[in-house]
């Protein structure tokens, strides 16, 4: 058994305030016996005003949220799966980038969100992530974390089974799906899609989420989840407030489920 912590937060437009909340969560995770903390998408800055946000989106080496999280991880001896930060790339565009940080504060993996959220919702919300962010093109699996083999995804990636097919082929023990999900899409699809991904991969899913009304005016769905390989919801932080929750990753459970339903072993390549 490996105890993990899951942070549900309401990130705002001030990176220093967000960094302080993340560092406090790392301390709480350590105090509660968590070996690894999972945080939501855009943990360091959530600002739909791209002109205002641009002043706070810098290259990785200059990102003070990332530096603060690395220092706190080392200070408290906790791994951190930092759901994502907005990072300026060398090409001048932005990346929605996840980081895995070990208990010494070292960055052991990075993943850039592949699928851009370009939609018009019936609620009137319109999002064009691709106008500012460059899509990633690499499937990333991190070996030898406290939870075993960890597959990295971010938010809208949830809707694209081909990515999870690739992660399934890597026999991930845990797949992270940090998010800032809208309320309409969350109510309709959040739980069912998260459970489906866990079942398909015979793996735990950890989905740390943004929640509530943010300083930039958006509202996010919350309901940070931990789901076991059978599709059972082990933790649901609901949709009202930020906070920290704990769950246990049981590797024997993964083996048991894969023995009962050996879909990964039975999978065949389908010709076009």
C-alpha atoms as a PDB file:
ATOM      1  CA  UNK A   1       0.000   0.000   0.000  1.00  0.00           C
ATOM      2  CA  UNK A   2       1.181   3.505  -0.867  1.00  0.00           C
ATOM      3  CA  UNK A   3      -0.641   6.465   0.646  1.00  0.00           C
ATOM      4  CA  UNK A   4      -1.151   9.415  -1.699  1.00  0.00           C
ATOM      5  CA  UNK A   5      -2.572  12.901  -1.228  1.00  0.00           C
ATOM      6  CA  UNK A   6      -4.839  14.666  -3.735  1.00  0.00           C
ATOM      7  CA  UNK A   7      -5.188  18.444  -3.772  1.00  0.00           C
ATOM      8  CA  UNK A   8      -8.364  20.161  -4.927  1.00  0.00           C
ATOM      9  CA  UNK A   9      -7.730  23.883  -5.307  1.00  0.00           C
ATOM     10  CA  UNK A  10      -9.122  27.155  -6.604  1.00  0.00           C
ATOM     11  CA  UNK A  11      -6.111  28.609  -8.399  1.00  0.00           C
ATOM     12  CA  UNK A  12      -6.158  32.303  -9.153  1.00  0.00           C
ATOM     13  CA  UNK A  13      -4.279  34.937 -11.111  1.00  0.00           C
ATOM     14  CA  UNK A  14      -1.471  35.485  -8.580  1.00  0.00           C
ATOM     15  CA  UNK A  15       1.289  32.835  -8.869  1.00  0.00           C
ATOM     16  CA  UNK A  16       2.692  33.657  -5.424  1.00  0.00           C
ATOM     17  CA  UNK A  17      -0.626  32.922  -3.710  1.00  0.00           C
ATOM     18  CA  UNK A  18      -0.961  29.690  -5.687  1.00  0.00           C
ATOM     19  CA  UNK A  19       2.622  28.700  -4.814  1.00  0.00           C
ATOM     20  CA  UNK A  20       1.914  29.232  -1.119  1.00  0.00           C
ATOM     21  CA  UNK A  21      -1.175  26.989  -1.341  1.00  0.00           C
ATOM     22  CA  UNK A  22       0.842  24.277  -3.084  1.00  0.00           C
ATOM     23  CA  UNK A  23       3.647  24.415  -0.520  1.00  0.00           C
ATOM     24  CA  UNK A  24       1.105  24.221   2.314  1.00  0.00           C
ATOM     25  CA  UNK A  25      -0.445  21.163   0.656  1.00  0.00           C
ATOM     26  CA  UNK A  26       2.966  19.501   0.395  1.00  0.00           C
ATOM     27  CA  UNK A  27       3.491  20.039   4.112  1.00  0.00           C
ATOM     28  CA  UNK A  28       0.024  18.650   4.890  1.00  0.00           C
ATOM     29  CA  UNK A  29       0.597  15.662   2.611  1.00  0.00           C
ATOM     30  CA  UNK A  30       3.819  14.847   4.433  1.00  0.00           C
ATOM     31  CA  UNK A  31       2.188  15.286   7.835  1.00  0.00           C
ATOM     32  CA  UNK A  32      -0.606  12.928   6.799  1.00  0.00           C
ATOM     33  CA  UNK A  33       1.773  10.214   5.681  1.00  0.00           C
ATOM     34  CA  UNK A  34       1.385  10.773   1.952  1.00  0.00           C
ATOM     35  CA  UNK A  35       4.294   9.630  -0.186  1.00  0.00           C
ATOM     36  CA  UNK A  36       3.136  11.538  -3.271  1.00  0.00           C
ATOM     37  CA  UNK A  37       0.935  14.598  -3.794  1.00  0.00           C
ATOM     38  CA  UNK A  38      -1.174  15.097  -6.934  1.00  0.00           C
ATOM     39  CA  UNK A  39      -2.264  18.640  -7.903  1.00  0.00           C
ATOM     40  CA  UNK A  40      -4.662  19.986 -10.573  1.00  0.00           C
ATOM     41  CA  UNK A  41      -4.130  21.348 -14.045  1.00  0.00           C
ATOM     42  CA  UNK A  42      -2.854  24.949 -14.052  1.00  0.00           C
ATOM     43  CA  UNK A  43      -1.935  24.821 -10.381  1.00  0.00           C
ATOM     44  CA  UNK A  44       0.315  27.873 -10.664  1.00  0.00           C
ATOM     45  CA  UNK A  45      -1.905  30.239 -12.651  1.00  0.00           C
ATOM     46  CA  UNK A  46      -5.496  30.113 -13.868  1.00  0.00           C
ATOM     47  CA  UNK A  47      -6.195  33.229 -15.894  1.00  0.00           C
ATOM     48  CA  UNK A  48      -8.331  33.345 -19.034  1.00  0.00           C
ATOM     49  CA  UNK A  49      -7.165  36.932 -19.725  1.00  0.00           C
ATOM     50  CA  UNK A  50      -4.154  36.014 -21.836  1.00  0.00           C
ATOM     51  CA  UNK A  51      -2.817  39.546 -22.033  1.00  0.00           C
ATOM     52  CA  UNK A  52      -2.688  39.752 -18.223  1.00  0.00           C
ATOM     53  CA  UNK A  53      -1.482  36.166 -17.906  1.00  0.00           C
ATOM     54  CA  UNK A  54       1.450  36.770 -20.255  1.00  0.00           C
ATOM     55  CA  UNK A  55       3.306  38.724 -17.583  1.00  0.00           C
ATOM     56  CA  UNK A  56       3.294  35.645 -15.346  1.00  0.00           C
ATOM     57  CA  UNK A  57       4.055  32.955 -17.937  1.00  0.00           C
ATOM     58  CA  UNK A  58       7.811  32.497 -18.133  1.00  0.00           C
ATOM     59  CA  UNK A  59      10.286  29.862 -19.166  1.00  0.00           C
ATOM     60  CA  UNK A  60      10.684  26.864 -16.917  1.00  0.00           C
ATOM     61  CA  UNK A  61      13.968  28.033 -15.365  1.00  0.00           C
ATOM     62  CA  UNK A  62      12.328  31.288 -14.249  1.00  0.00           C
ATOM     63  CA  UNK A  63       9.022  29.897 -12.959  1.00  0.00           C
ATOM     64  CA  UNK A  64       8.789  30.726  -9.263  1.00  0.00           C
ATOM     65  CA  UNK A  65       5.889  28.337  -8.626  1.00  0.00           C
ATOM     66  CA  UNK A  66       7.933  25.431  -9.939  1.00  0.00           C
ATOM     67  CA  UNK A  67      10.933  26.505  -7.863  1.00  0.00           C
ATOM     68  CA  UNK A  68       8.799  26.779  -4.718  1.00  0.00           C
ATOM     69  CA  UNK A  69       7.253  23.341  -5.235  1.00  0.00           C
ATOM     70  CA  UNK A  70      10.653  21.747  -5.827  1.00  0.00           C
ATOM     71  CA  UNK A  71      12.024  23.282  -2.642  1.00  0.00           C
ATOM     72  CA  UNK A  72       9.000  22.195  -0.610  1.00  0.00           C
ATOM     73  CA  UNK A  73       9.134  18.647  -2.005  1.00  0.00           C
ATOM     74  CA  UNK A  74      12.770  18.346  -0.915  1.00  0.00           C
ATOM     75  CA  UNK A  75      12.114  19.954   2.462  1.00  0.00           C
ATOM     76  CA  UNK A  76       9.271  17.575   3.314  1.00  0.00           C
ATOM     77  CA  UNK A  77      10.515  14.473   1.474  1.00  0.00           C
ATOM     78  CA  UNK A  78       7.411  14.104  -0.689  1.00  0.00           C
ATOM     79  CA  UNK A  79       7.062  13.359  -4.406  1.00  0.00           C
ATOM     80  CA  UNK A  80       4.806  15.804  -6.264  1.00  0.00           C
ATOM     81  CA  UNK A  81       2.886  15.217  -9.464  1.00  0.00           C
ATOM     82  CA  UNK A  82       2.378  18.879 -10.355  1.00  0.00           C
ATOM     83  CA  UNK A  83      -0.717  18.655 -12.547  1.00  0.00           C
ATOM     84  CA  UNK A  84       0.416  21.411 -14.875  1.00  0.00           C
ATOM     85  CA  UNK A  85       1.826  24.906 -15.185  1.00  0.00           C
ATOM     86  CA  UNK A  86       1.651  27.375 -18.047  1.00  0.00           C
ATOM     87  CA  UNK A  87       5.228  27.538 -19.341  1.00  0.00           C
ATOM     88  CA  UNK A  88       6.740  29.740 -22.040  1.00  0.00           C
ATOM     89  CA  UNK A  89       8.657  27.643 -24.554  1.00  0.00           C
ATOM     90  CA  UNK A  90      11.822  28.513 -26.421  1.00  0.00           C
ATOM     91  CA  UNK A  91       9.681  29.009 -29.548  1.00  0.00           C
ATOM     92  CA  UNK A  92       7.715  31.744 -27.775  1.00  0.00           C
ATOM     93  CA  UNK A  93       4.435  29.821 -27.508  1.00  0.00           C
ATOM     94  CA  UNK A  94       3.106  28.409 -24.241  1.00  0.00           C
ATOM     95  CA  UNK A  95       2.930  24.805 -23.068  1.00  0.00           C
ATOM     96  CA  UNK A  96       0.433  23.302 -20.639  1.00  0.00           C
ATOM     97  CA  UNK A  97       3.097  21.217 -18.898  1.00  0.00           C
ATOM     98  CA  UNK A  98       2.917  18.603 -16.150  1.00  0.00           C
ATOM     99  CA  UNK A  99       5.930  17.908 -13.938  1.00  0.00           C
ATOM    100  CA  UNK A 100       6.835  14.950 -11.747  1.00  0.00           C
ATOM    101  CA  UNK A 101       9.158  15.984  -8.926  1.00  0.00           C
ATOM    102  CA  UNK A 102      10.892  13.519  -6.637  1.00  0.00           C
ATOM    103  CA  UNK A 103      11.472  13.770  -2.887  1.00  0.00           C
ATOM    104  CA  UNK A 104      14.840  15.449  -3.486  1.00  0.00           C
ATOM    105  CA  UNK A 105      13.162  18.210  -5.498  1.00  0.00           C
ATOM    106  CA  UNK A 106      14.481  16.981  -8.855  1.00  0.00           C
ATOM    107  CA  UNK A 107      12.287  17.047 -11.978  1.00  0.00           C
ATOM    108  CA  UNK A 108      12.112  13.450 -13.198  1.00  0.00           C
ATOM    109  CA  UNK A 109       9.521  13.883 -15.977  1.00  0.00           C
ATOM    110  CA  UNK A 110       7.634  16.445 -18.040  1.00  0.00           C
ATOM    111  CA  UNK A 111       4.533  16.062 -20.176  1.00  0.00           C
ATOM    112  CA  UNK A 112       2.956  18.671 -22.480  1.00  0.00           C
ATOM    113  CA  UNK A 113      -0.805  18.364 -22.913  1.00  0.00           C
ATOM    114  CA  UNK A 114      -1.556  16.821 -26.303  1.00  0.00           C
ATOM    115  CA  UNK A 115      -5.169  17.725 -26.933  1.00  0.00           C
ATOM    116  CA  UNK A 116      -6.203  21.366 -27.018  1.00  0.00           C
ATOM    117  CA  UNK A 117      -9.568  22.410 -25.608  1.00  0.00           C
ATOM    118  CA  UNK A 118     -11.147  24.235 -28.561  1.00  0.00           C
ATOM    119  CA  UNK A 119     -14.909  24.219 -27.976  1.00  0.00           C
ATOM    120  CA  UNK A 120     -18.096  26.278 -27.891  1.00  0.00           C
ATOM    121  CA  UNK A 121     -20.476  25.152 -25.158  1.00  0.00           C
ATOM    122  CA  UNK A 122     -24.247  25.622 -24.994  1.00  0.00           C
ATOM    123  CA  UNK A 123     -23.686  27.602 -21.785  1.00  0.00           C
ATOM    124  CA  UNK A 124     -22.038  30.319 -23.904  1.00  0.00           C
ATOM    125  CA  UNK A 125     -18.500  29.462 -22.826  1.00  0.00           C
ATOM    126  CA  UNK A 126     -15.983  29.485 -25.667  1.00  0.00           C
ATOM    127  CA  UNK A 127     -12.428  28.166 -25.330  1.00  0.00           C
ATOM    128  CA  UNK A 128      -9.574  28.212 -27.841  1.00  0.00           C
ATOM    129  CA  UNK A 129      -6.590  26.726 -26.060  1.00  0.00           C
ATOM    130  CA  UNK A 130      -4.700  26.224 -29.322  1.00  0.00           C
ATOM    131  CA  UNK A 131      -4.570  29.987 -29.913  1.00  0.00           C
ATOM    132  CA  UNK A 132      -1.907  30.295 -27.211  1.00  0.00           C
ATOM    133  CA  UNK A 133      -0.686  26.795 -26.378  1.00  0.00           C
ATOM    134  CA  UNK A 134       1.394  24.402 -28.446  1.00  0.00           C
ATOM    135  CA  UNK A 135       0.229  20.783 -28.277  1.00  0.00           C
ATOM    136  CA  UNK A 136       2.603  18.118 -27.011  1.00  0.00           C
ATOM    137  CA  UNK A 137       3.419  15.048 -29.091  1.00  0.00           C
ATOM    138  CA  UNK A 138       5.005  12.587 -26.648  1.00  0.00           C
ATOM    139  CA  UNK A 139       3.406   9.867 -24.535  1.00  0.00           C
ATOM    140  CA  UNK A 140       5.104   9.998 -21.133  1.00  0.00           C
ATOM    141  CA  UNK A 141       5.346   7.190 -18.580  1.00  0.00           C
ATOM    142  CA  UNK A 142       7.389   7.620 -15.419  1.00  0.00           C
ATOM    143  CA  UNK A 143       9.044   4.523 -13.967  1.00  0.00           C
ATOM    144  CA  UNK A 144       9.775   3.898 -10.295  1.00  0.00           C
ATOM    145  CA  UNK A 145       7.592   6.501  -8.601  1.00  0.00           C
ATOM    146  CA  UNK A 146       6.119   5.781  -5.146  1.00  0.00           C
ATOM    147  CA  UNK A 147       2.939   4.591  -6.924  1.00  0.00           C
ATOM    148  CA  UNK A 148       4.804   2.485  -9.468  1.00  0.00           C
ATOM    149  CA  UNK A 149       4.609   3.159 -13.204  1.00  0.00           C
ATOM    150  CA  UNK A 150       2.814   6.493 -13.676  1.00  0.00           C
ATOM    151  CA  UNK A 151       1.196   7.629 -16.937  1.00  0.00           C
ATOM    152  CA  UNK A 152       0.773  11.358 -17.528  1.00  0.00           C
ATOM    153  CA  UNK A 153      -2.227  13.072 -19.126  1.00  0.00           C
ATOM    154  CA  UNK A 154      -3.972  16.427 -18.619  1.00  0.00           C
ATOM    155  CA  UNK A 155      -7.696  17.276 -18.569  1.00  0.00           C
ATOM    156  CA  UNK A 156      -9.115  17.248 -22.147  1.00  0.00           C
ATOM    157  CA  UNK A 157      -6.806  14.315 -22.945  1.00  0.00           C
ATOM    158  CA  UNK A 158      -9.437  12.313 -21.042  1.00  0.00           C
ATOM    159  CA  UNK A 159     -11.655  12.262 -24.133  1.00  0.00           C
ATOM    160  CA  UNK A 160      -9.114  10.654 -26.465  1.00  0.00           C
ATOM    161  CA  UNK A 161      -8.934   6.873 -25.980  1.00  0.00           C
ATOM    162  CA  UNK A 162      -5.919   6.426 -28.259  1.00  0.00           C
ATOM    163  CA  UNK A 163      -3.672   8.101 -25.698  1.00  0.00           C
ATOM    164  CA  UNK A 164      -4.937   5.797 -22.964  1.00  0.00           C
ATOM    165  CA  UNK A 165      -4.495   2.827 -25.293  1.00  0.00           C
ATOM    166  CA  UNK A 166      -0.807   3.728 -25.457  1.00  0.00           C
ATOM    167  CA  UNK A 167      -0.601   4.089 -21.679  1.00  0.00           C
ATOM    168  CA  UNK A 168      -2.316   0.722 -21.329  1.00  0.00           C
ATOM    169  CA  UNK A 169       0.341  -0.845 -23.518  1.00  0.00           C
ATOM    170  CA  UNK A 170       2.904   0.456 -21.013  1.00  0.00           C
ATOM    171  CA  UNK A 171       0.994  -1.330 -18.204  1.00  0.00           C
ATOM    172  CA  UNK A 172       0.763   1.801 -16.066  1.00  0.00           C
ATOM    173  CA  UNK A 173      -0.136   1.229 -12.429  1.00  0.00           C
ATOM    174  CA  UNK A 174      -1.574   4.743 -12.084  1.00  0.00           C
ATOM    175  CA  UNK A 175      -2.702   7.309 -14.648  1.00  0.00           C
ATOM    176  CA  UNK A 176      -3.003  10.928 -13.594  1.00  0.00           C
ATOM    177  CA  UNK A 177      -5.666  13.174 -15.147  1.00  0.00           C
ATOM    178  CA  UNK A 178      -5.311  16.618 -13.513  1.00  0.00           C
ATOM    179  CA  UNK A 179      -8.027  18.983 -14.671  1.00  0.00           C
ATOM    180  CA  UNK A 180      -9.784  22.334 -14.698  1.00  0.00           C
ATOM    181  CA  UNK A 181     -13.064  20.913 -16.031  1.00  0.00           C
ATOM    182  CA  UNK A 182     -15.983  23.154 -16.887  1.00  0.00           C
ATOM    183  CA  UNK A 183     -19.162  22.680 -14.869  1.00  0.00           C
ATOM    184  CA  UNK A 184     -21.470  21.689 -17.796  1.00  0.00           C
ATOM    185  CA  UNK A 185     -19.067  19.076 -19.174  1.00  0.00           C
ATOM    186  CA  UNK A 186     -18.183  17.921 -15.674  1.00  0.00           C
ATOM    187  CA  UNK A 187     -21.789  17.240 -14.740  1.00  0.00           C
ATOM    188  CA  UNK A 188     -22.319  15.310 -17.958  1.00  0.00           C
ATOM    189  CA  UNK A 189     -19.143  13.286 -18.363  1.00  0.00           C
ATOM    190  CA  UNK A 190     -16.511  13.632 -15.591  1.00  0.00           C
ATOM    191  CA  UNK A 191     -17.251  10.575 -13.472  1.00  0.00           C
ATOM    192  CA  UNK A 192     -18.189   8.193 -16.269  1.00  0.00           C
ATOM    193  CA  UNK A 193     -15.103   8.984 -18.366  1.00  0.00           C
ATOM    194  CA  UNK A 194     -12.722   8.755 -15.411  1.00  0.00           C
ATOM    195  CA  UNK A 195     -14.157   5.376 -14.424  1.00  0.00           C
ATOM    196  CA  UNK A 196     -13.984   4.141 -18.019  1.00  0.00           C
ATOM    197  CA  UNK A 197     -10.302   5.071 -18.284  1.00  0.00           C
ATOM    198  CA  UNK A 198      -9.477   3.203 -15.082  1.00  0.00           C
ATOM    199  CA  UNK A 199     -11.368   0.117 -16.265  1.00  0.00           C
ATOM    200  CA  UNK A 200      -9.795   0.140 -19.726  1.00  0.00           C
ATOM    201  CA  UNK A 201      -6.261   0.396 -18.346  1.00  0.00           C
ATOM    202  CA  UNK A 202      -6.866  -1.851 -15.308  1.00  0.00           C
ATOM    203  CA  UNK A 203      -5.098   0.921 -13.414  1.00  0.00           C
ATOM    204  CA  UNK A 204      -5.750   3.489 -10.735  1.00  0.00           C
ATOM    205  CA  UNK A 205      -6.788   6.914 -11.968  1.00  0.00           C
ATOM    206  CA  UNK A 206      -5.906   9.990  -9.916  1.00  0.00           C
ATOM    207  CA  UNK A 207      -7.709  13.130 -11.062  1.00  0.00           C
ATOM    208  CA  UNK A 208      -6.862  16.238  -9.018  1.00  0.00           C
ATOM    209  CA  UNK A 209      -9.178  19.049 -10.062  1.00  0.00           C
ATOM    210  CA  UNK A 210      -9.797  22.772  -9.848  1.00  0.00           C
ATOM    211  CA  UNK A 211     -13.028  23.771  -8.086  1.00  0.00           C
ATOM    212  CA  UNK A 212     -15.315  26.755  -7.602  1.00  0.00           C
ATOM    213  CA  UNK A 213     -15.301  30.327  -8.861  1.00  0.00           C
ATOM    214  CA  UNK A 214     -11.892  31.664  -9.818  1.00  0.00           C
ATOM    215  CA  UNK A 215     -10.454  35.181  -9.861  1.00  0.00           C
ATOM    216  CA  UNK A 216     -10.619  35.251 -13.664  1.00  0.00           C
ATOM    217  CA  UNK A 217     -14.379  34.626 -13.579  1.00  0.00           C
ATOM    218  CA  UNK A 218     -14.524  30.996 -14.649  1.00  0.00           C
ATOM    219  CA  UNK A 219     -16.156  28.233 -12.623  1.00  0.00           C
ATOM    220  CA  UNK A 220     -14.741  24.704 -12.426  1.00  0.00           C
ATOM    221  CA  UNK A 221     -16.398  21.433 -11.512  1.00  0.00           C
ATOM    222  CA  UNK A 222     -14.160  19.981  -8.781  1.00  0.00           C
ATOM    223  CA  UNK A 223     -14.864  16.378  -7.773  1.00  0.00           C
ATOM    224  CA  UNK A 224     -11.218  15.340  -7.553  1.00  0.00           C
ATOM    225  CA  UNK A 225     -11.222  11.559  -7.817  1.00  0.00           C
ATOM    226  CA  UNK A 226      -9.226   8.452  -7.063  1.00  0.00           C
ATOM    227  CA  UNK A 227     -10.602   5.408  -8.881  1.00  0.00           C
ATOM    228  CA  UNK A 228      -9.382   1.846  -8.514  1.00  0.00           C
ATOM    229  CA  UNK A 229      -8.680  -0.548 -11.428  1.00  0.00           C
ATOM    230  CA  UNK A 230     -12.167  -2.076 -11.143  1.00  0.00           C
ATOM    231  CA  UNK A 231     -13.729   1.357 -11.665  1.00  0.00           C
ATOM    232  CA  UNK A 232     -14.736   1.884  -8.040  1.00  0.00           C
ATOM    233  CA  UNK A 233     -14.591   5.481  -6.771  1.00  0.00           C
ATOM    234  CA  UNK A 234     -12.337   5.481  -3.721  1.00  0.00           C
ATOM    235  CA  UNK A 235     -12.226   9.244  -3.150  1.00  0.00           C
ATOM    236  CA  UNK A 236     -14.449  12.089  -4.352  1.00  0.00           C
ATOM    237  CA  UNK A 237     -13.713  15.549  -2.932  1.00  0.00           C
ATOM    238  CA  UNK A 238     -17.098  16.826  -4.186  1.00  0.00           C
ATOM    239  CA  UNK A 239     -17.666  20.136  -5.931  1.00  0.00           C
ATOM    240  CA  UNK A 240     -17.926  22.815  -3.288  1.00  0.00           C
ATOM    241  CA  UNK A 241     -14.516  23.656  -1.837  1.00  0.00           C
ATOM    242  CA  UNK A 242     -10.779  23.183  -2.057  1.00  0.00           C
ATOM    243  CA  UNK A 243      -8.961  20.780   0.266  1.00  0.00           C
ATOM    244  CA  UNK A 244      -6.750  17.737   0.582  1.00  0.00           C
ATOM    245  CA  UNK A 245      -7.772  14.089   0.507  1.00  0.00           C
ATOM    246  CA  UNK A 246      -5.892  10.832   0.991  1.00  0.00           C
ATOM    247  CA  UNK A 247      -6.156   7.403  -0.597  1.00  0.00           C
ATOM    248  CA  UNK A 248      -4.090   4.215  -0.769  1.00  0.00           C
ATOM    249  CA  UNK A 249      -2.704   2.624  -3.926  1.00  0.00           C
ATOM    250  CA  UNK A 250      -2.745  -1.165  -3.526  1.00  0.00           C
ATOM    251  CA  UNK A 251      -0.604  -2.945  -6.103  1.00  0.00           C
ATOM    252  CA  UNK A 252      -2.160  -6.290  -5.212  1.00  0.00           C
ATOM    253  CA  UNK A 253      -5.494  -4.837  -6.331  1.00  0.00           C
ATOM    254  CA  UNK A 254      -4.015  -4.081  -9.766  1.00  0.00           C
ATOM    255  CA  UNK A 255      -2.789  -7.661 -10.120  1.00  0.00           C
ATOM    256  CA  UNK A 256      -6.118  -9.093  -8.969  1.00  0.00           C
ATOM    257  CA  UNK A 257      -8.126  -7.025 -11.457  1.00  0.00           C
ATOM    258  CA  UNK A 258      -5.802  -7.862 -14.337  1.00  0.00           C
ATOM    259  CA  UNK A 259      -6.124 -11.550 -13.493  1.00  0.00           C
ATOM    260  CA  UNK A 260      -9.940 -11.357 -13.443  1.00  0.00           C
ATOM    261  CA  UNK A 261     -10.268  -9.292 -16.626  1.00  0.00           C
ATOM    262  CA  UNK A 262      -7.061  -9.742 -18.662  1.00  0.00           C
ATOM    263  CA  UNK A 263      -8.017  -7.196 -21.307  1.00  0.00           C
ATOM    264  CA  UNK A 264      -4.482  -5.807 -21.537  1.00  0.00           C
ATOM    265  CA  UNK A 265      -3.074  -9.275 -22.222  1.00  0.00           C
ATOM    266  CA  UNK A 266      -5.873 -10.138 -24.674  1.00  0.00           C
ATOM    267  CA  UNK A 267      -5.685  -6.897 -26.663  1.00  0.00           C
ATOM    268  CA  UNK A 268      -5.099  -7.356 -30.413  1.00  0.00           C
ATOM    269  CA  UNK A 269      -3.954  -4.871 -32.983  1.00  0.00           C
ATOM    270  CA  UNK A 270      -6.804  -3.935 -35.296  1.00  0.00           C
ATOM    271  CA  UNK A 271      -5.899  -3.410 -38.929  1.00  0.00           C
ATOM    272  CA  UNK A 272      -6.972  -0.185 -40.644  1.00  0.00           C
END
